[in-house]
Amino acid sequence: MRAVVQRVVRAGVKVDGEEIAHIGHGYAVLLGVSTDDTEADAKTLAEKIAHLRIFDDEQGKLNRSILDAGGAVLSVSQFTLYGDTSGGRRPSFIKAAPPERAEALYEAFNQHLRGLGVQVETGQFRATMVVDIANHGPVTMILDTRA
């Protein structure tokens, strides 16, 4: 699994012009699922994100997790994170999991995060979405269970 994690002051998702989810401060997580991913990857990544220390402490150091900071996660499925452009200009998505498998693991990831005590809002799987992200810092991390 691959995730782009952005610390945000707010984030939201619209589908067909209607807002379906939004959060205040927390993380916007863009999540890609590969053909090799398993439920164990979903759990590992959820734990990593829940305990990732990228919120400022009292001294201004990145030392607090989303659990410490009381933030929420906006989780958005994004198969294009597995786009491969090494063979040319048009990306190949052969490493992205098929939709049914990807959706199941995306939902498992979200459930694991919730189980750790994180408030999770989601985009709409397989929809064309407008994602509004107000990155704070900016702070952006790229996490990959295969790295």
Foldseek 3Di string as FASTA:
>chain_A
DKKKKWFFQKKWKDFPNHTDDMWGTDIEIEDFAFQPDDLVLLLVVLVCQQAPQQDQDPVGDSGGHCVRVVTAYEYEYDLCVQFDQPPHDHTDSNGTHPQVVGVVSSVSSVVSNVVVPHHYHYDDRPGDMDMDGHGPPGDIDMDDPVD
